Amino acid sequence: MRLYGQGDNGVVVDALHDLPVATPHSGCPASGPQFVLWHGRQVFKRPGAQAA
């Protein structure tokens, strides 16, 4: 995947590469698997996207 940013935005996004995804804050519910799957299919265009 390629992400193009302008100015400081690209630098900030590049700094996140290979970092683990943050877990929800205490007391906040996690995203439901159906939403994670939808995001993988619709945003990242991965037909076989699976929830973690």
PDB file of N, CA and C in Angstrom:
ATOM      1  N   MET A   1       0.840  -1.180   0.000  1.00  0.00           N
ATOM      2  CA  MET A   1       0.000   0.000   0.000  1.00  0.00           C
ATOM      3  C   MET A   1       0.878   1.234   0.000  1.00  0.00           C
ATOM      4  N   ARG A   2       0.490   2.196  -0.768  1.00  0.00           N
ATOM      5  CA  ARG A   2       1.210   3.467  -0.801  1.00  0.00           C
ATOM      6  C   ARG A   2       0.294   4.567  -0.294  1.00  0.00           C
ATOM      7  N   LEU A   3       0.849   5.399   0.539  1.00  0.00           N
ATOM      8  CA  LEU A   3       0.100   6.535   1.056  1.00  0.00           C
ATOM      9  C   LEU A   3       0.927   7.774   0.778  1.00  0.00           C
ATOM     10  N   TYR A   4       0.312   8.718   0.157  1.00  0.00           N
ATOM     11  CA  TYR A   4       1.012   9.944  -0.179  1.00  0.00           C
ATOM     12  C   TYR A   4       0.497  11.071   0.699  1.00  0.00           C
ATOM     13  N   GLY A   5       1.403  11.742   1.355  1.00  0.00           N
ATOM     14  CA  GLY A   5       1.024  12.858   2.196  1.00  0.00           C
ATOM     15  C   GLY A   5       1.790  14.095   1.790  1.00  0.00           C
ATOM     16  N   GLN A   6       1.287  15.210   2.177  1.00  0.00           N
ATOM     17  CA  GLN A   6       1.964  16.458   1.887  1.00  0.00           C
ATOM     18  C   GLN A   6       2.459  17.059   3.190  1.00  0.00           C
ATOM     19  N   GLY A   7       3.637  17.580   3.152  1.00  0.00           N
ATOM     20  CA  GLY A   7       4.196  18.247   4.323  1.00  0.00           C
ATOM     21  C   GLY A   7       4.369  17.298   5.492  1.00  0.00           C
ATOM     22  N   ASP A   8       3.993  17.769   6.672  1.00  0.00           N
ATOM     23  CA  ASP A   8       4.190  16.998   7.900  1.00  0.00           C
ATOM     24  C   ASP A   8       3.287  15.774   7.977  1.00  0.00           C
ATOM     25  N   ASN A   9       2.157  15.764   7.255  1.00  0.00           N
ATOM     26  CA  ASN A   9       1.261  14.620   7.314  1.00  0.00           C
ATOM     27  C   ASN A   9       1.955  13.335   6.873  1.00  0.00           C
ATOM     28  N   GLY A  10       2.702  13.394   5.793  1.00  0.00           N
ATOM     29  CA  GLY A  10       3.414  12.215   5.307  1.00  0.00           C
ATOM     30  C   GLY A  10       4.441  11.720   6.307  1.00  0.00           C
ATOM     31  N   VAL A  11       5.116  12.626   6.969  1.00  0.00           N
ATOM     32  CA  VAL A  11       6.121  12.261   7.967  1.00  0.00           C
ATOM     33  C   VAL A  11       5.453  11.561   9.154  1.00  0.00           C
ATOM     34  N   VAL A  12       4.324  12.073   9.591  1.00  0.00           N
ATOM     35  CA  VAL A  12       3.600  11.482  10.722  1.00  0.00           C
ATOM     36  C   VAL A  12       3.115  10.081  10.368  1.00  0.00           C
ATOM     37  N   VAL A  13       2.552   9.919   9.191  1.00  0.00           N
ATOM     38  CA  VAL A  13       2.054   8.608   8.768  1.00  0.00           C
ATOM     39  C   VAL A  13       3.212   7.634   8.608  1.00  0.00           C
ATOM     40  N   ASP A  14       4.299   8.045   7.998  1.00  0.00           N
ATOM     41  CA  ASP A  14       5.466   7.171   7.841  1.00  0.00           C
ATOM     42  C   ASP A  14       5.992   6.691   9.182  1.00  0.00           C
ATOM     43  N   ALA A  15       5.920   7.532  10.204  1.00  0.00           N
ATOM     44  CA  ALA A  15       6.414   7.161  11.531  1.00  0.00           C
ATOM     45  C   ALA A  15       5.582   6.035  12.148  1.00  0.00           C
ATOM     46  N   LEU A  16       4.352   5.848  11.679  1.00  0.00           N
ATOM     47  CA  LEU A  16       3.477   4.804  12.222  1.00  0.00           C
ATOM     48  C   LEU A  16       3.712   3.435  11.585  1.00  0.00           C
ATOM     49  N   HIS A  17       4.488   3.392  10.508  1.00  0.00           N
ATOM     50  CA  HIS A  17       4.721   2.133   9.795  1.00  0.00           C
ATOM     51  C   HIS A  17       5.306   1.066  10.723  1.00  0.00           C
ATOM     52  N   ASP A  18       4.719  -0.111  10.682  1.00  0.00           N
ATOM     53  CA  ASP A  18       5.146  -1.286  11.461  1.00  0.00           C
ATOM     54  C   ASP A  18       4.886  -1.177  12.959  1.00  0.00           C
ATOM     55  N   LEU A  19       4.207  -0.144  13.411  1.00  0.00           N
ATOM     56  CA  LEU A  19       3.860  -0.061  14.824  1.00  0.00           C
ATOM     57  C   LEU A  19       2.566  -0.839  15.069  1.00  0.00           C
ATOM     58  N   PRO A  20       2.412  -1.435  16.245  1.00  0.00           N
ATOM     59  CA  PRO A  20       1.165  -2.157  16.531  1.00  0.00           C
ATOM     60  C   PRO A  20      -0.011  -1.185  16.649  1.00  0.00           C
ATOM     61  N   VAL A  21      -1.173  -1.705  16.339  1.00  0.00           N
ATOM     62  CA  VAL A  21      -2.393  -0.906  16.457  1.00  0.00           C
ATOM     63  C   VAL A  21      -2.730  -0.771  17.934  1.00  0.00           C
ATOM     64  N   ALA A  22      -3.137   0.405  18.340  1.00  0.00           N
ATOM     65  CA  ALA A  22      -3.485   0.642  19.743  1.00  0.00           C
ATOM     66  C   ALA A  22      -4.779  -0.082  20.107  1.00  0.00           C
ATOM     67  N   THR A  23      -4.866  -0.505  21.326  1.00  0.00           N
ATOM     68  CA  THR A  23      -6.094  -1.119  21.825  1.00  0.00           C
ATOM     69  C   THR A  23      -7.031  -0.011  22.323  1.00  0.00           C
ATOM     70  N   PRO A  24      -8.323  -0.301  22.441  1.00  0.00           N
ATOM     71  CA  PRO A  24      -9.261   0.729  22.922  1.00  0.00           C
ATOM     72  C   PRO A  24      -8.893   1.193  24.338  1.00  0.00           C
ATOM     73  N   HIS A  25      -9.239   2.426  24.637  1.00  0.00           N
ATOM     74  CA  HIS A  25      -9.023   2.955  25.981  1.00  0.00           C
ATOM     75  C   HIS A  25      -9.874   2.178  26.980  1.00  0.00           C
ATOM     76  N   SER A  26      -9.442   2.163  28.199  1.00  0.00           N
ATOM     77  CA  SER A  26     -10.176   1.476  29.253  1.00  0.00           C
ATOM     78  C   SER A  26     -11.614   1.996  29.316  1.00  0.00           C
ATOM     79  N   GLY A  27     -12.566   1.083  29.342  1.00  0.00           N
ATOM     80  CA  GLY A  27     -13.965   1.458  29.418  1.00  0.00           C
ATOM     81  C   GLY A  27     -14.619   1.697  28.070  1.00  0.00           C
ATOM     82  N   CYS A  28     -13.833   1.714  26.995  1.00  0.00           N
ATOM     83  CA  CYS A  28     -14.385   1.893  25.647  1.00  0.00           C
ATOM     84  C   CYS A  28     -14.480   0.532  24.969  1.00  0.00           C
ATOM     85  N   PRO A  29     -15.591   0.231  24.336  1.00  0.00           N
ATOM     86  CA  PRO A  29     -15.723  -1.066  23.678  1.00  0.00           C
ATOM     87  C   PRO A  29     -14.843  -1.156  22.435  1.00  0.00           C
ATOM     88  N   ALA A  30     -14.396  -2.360  22.143  1.00  0.00           N
ATOM     89  CA  ALA A  30     -13.631  -2.596  20.921  1.00  0.00           C
ATOM     90  C   ALA A  30     -14.585  -2.567  19.732  1.00  0.00           C
ATOM     91  N   SER A  31     -14.047  -2.335  18.564  1.00  0.00           N
ATOM     92  CA  SER A  31     -14.867  -2.376  17.346  1.00  0.00           C
ATOM     93  C   SER A  31     -15.305  -3.807  17.097  1.00  0.00           C
ATOM     94  N   GLY A  32     -16.537  -3.966  16.690  1.00  0.00           N
ATOM     95  CA  GLY A  32     -17.056  -5.291  16.373  1.00  0.00           C
ATOM     96  C   GLY A  32     -16.368  -5.858  15.139  1.00  0.00           C
ATOM     97  N   PRO A  33     -16.211  -7.174  15.080  1.00  0.00           N
ATOM     98  CA  PRO A  33     -15.525  -7.799  13.946  1.00  0.00           C
ATOM     99  C   PRO A  33     -16.142  -7.432  12.594  1.00  0.00           C
ATOM    100  N   GLN A  34     -17.461  -7.250  12.549  1.00  0.00           N
ATOM    101  CA  GLN A  34     -18.088  -6.915  11.275  1.00  0.00           C
ATOM    102  C   GLN A  34     -17.610  -5.562  10.760  1.00  0.00           C
ATOM    103  N   PHE A  35     -17.301  -4.638  11.659  1.00  0.00           N
ATOM    104  CA  PHE A  35     -16.815  -3.329  11.241  1.00  0.00           C
ATOM    105  C   PHE A  35     -15.355  -3.400  10.792  1.00  0.00           C
ATOM    106  N   VAL A  36     -14.574  -4.230  11.461  1.00  0.00           N
ATOM    107  CA  VAL A  36     -13.180  -4.424  11.059  1.00  0.00           C
ATOM    108  C   VAL A  36     -13.137  -5.061   9.672  1.00  0.00           C
ATOM    109  N   LEU A  37     -13.976  -6.058   9.439  1.00  0.00           N
ATOM    110  CA  LEU A  37     -14.036  -6.707   8.128  1.00  0.00           C
ATOM    111  C   LEU A  37     -14.482  -5.718   7.048  1.00  0.00           C
ATOM    112  N   TRP A  38     -15.514  -4.927   7.341  1.00  0.00           N
ATOM    113  CA  TRP A  38     -15.990  -3.940   6.371  1.00  0.00           C
ATOM    114  C   TRP A  38     -14.868  -2.973   6.012  1.00  0.00           C
ATOM    115  N   HIS A  39     -14.159  -2.494   7.018  1.00  0.00           N
ATOM    116  CA  HIS A  39     -13.085  -1.536   6.782  1.00  0.00           C
ATOM    117  C   HIS A  39     -12.000  -2.148   5.904  1.00  0.00           C
ATOM    118  N   GLY A  40     -11.649  -3.404   6.180  1.00  0.00           N
ATOM    119  CA  GLY A  40     -10.639  -4.080   5.366  1.00  0.00           C
ATOM    120  C   GLY A  40     -11.073  -4.211   3.914  1.00  0.00           C
ATOM    121  N   ARG A  41     -12.342  -4.518   3.695  1.00  0.00           N
ATOM    122  CA  ARG A  41     -12.847  -4.688   2.329  1.00  0.00           C
ATOM    123  C   ARG A  41     -13.049  -3.359   1.612  1.00  0.00           C
ATOM    124  N   GLN A  42     -13.646  -2.396   2.291  1.00  0.00           N
ATOM    125  CA  GLN A  42     -14.049  -1.160   1.634  1.00  0.00           C
ATOM    126  C   GLN A  42     -12.963  -0.081   1.605  1.00  0.00           C
ATOM    127  N   VAL A  43     -12.138  -0.045   2.631  1.00  0.00           N
ATOM    128  CA  VAL A  43     -11.117   0.999   2.694  1.00  0.00           C
ATOM    129  C   VAL A  43      -9.794   0.501   2.123  1.00  0.00           C
ATOM    130  N   PHE A  44      -9.374  -0.691   2.549  1.00  0.00           N
ATOM    131  CA  PHE A  44      -8.100  -1.216   2.098  1.00  0.00           C
ATOM    132  C   PHE A  44      -8.237  -2.143   0.902  1.00  0.00           C
ATOM    133  N   LYS A  45      -9.482  -2.432   0.495  1.00  0.00           N
ATOM    134  CA  LYS A  45      -9.777  -3.228  -0.698  1.00  0.00           C
ATOM    135  C   LYS A  45      -9.153  -4.615  -0.630  1.00  0.00           C
ATOM    136  N   ARG A  46      -9.234  -5.257   0.537  1.00  0.00           N
ATOM    137  CA  ARG A  46      -8.740  -6.632   0.698  1.00  0.00           C
ATOM    138  C   ARG A  46      -9.945  -7.551   0.751  1.00  0.00           C
ATOM    139  N   PRO A  47     -10.205  -8.325  -0.310  1.00  0.00           N
ATOM    140  CA  PRO A  47     -11.381  -9.190  -0.326  1.00  0.00           C
ATOM    141  C   PRO A  47     -11.418 -10.184   0.825  1.00  0.00           C
ATOM    142  N   GLY A  48     -10.288 -10.695   1.261  1.00  0.00           N
ATOM    143  CA  GLY A  48     -10.268 -11.706   2.313  1.00  0.00           C
ATOM    144  C   GLY A  48      -9.929 -11.144   3.678  1.00  0.00           C
ATOM    145  N   ALA A  49     -10.144  -9.868   3.892  1.00  0.00           N
ATOM    146  CA  ALA A  49      -9.803  -9.243   5.172  1.00  0.00           C
ATOM    147  C   ALA A  49     -10.502  -9.953   6.321  1.00  0.00           C
ATOM    148  N   GLN A  50      -9.758 -10.182   7.382  1.00  0.00           N
ATOM    149  CA  GLN A  50     -10.320 -10.882   8.544  1.00  0.00           C
ATOM    150  C   GLN A  50     -10.122 -10.054   9.795  1.00  0.00           C
ATOM    151  N   ALA A  51     -11.025 -10.204  10.712  1.00  0.00           N
ATOM    152  CA  ALA A  51     -10.890  -9.528  12.006  1.00  0.00           C
ATOM    153  C   ALA A  51      -9.810 -10.213  12.810  1.00  0.00           C
ATOM    154  N   ALA A  52      -9.112  -9.450  13.610  1.00  0.00           N
ATOM    155  CA  ALA A  52      -8.058 -10.010  14.455  1.00  0.00           C
ATOM    156  C   ALA A  52      -8.645 -10.714  15.656  1.00  0.00           C
TER     157      ALA A  52
END
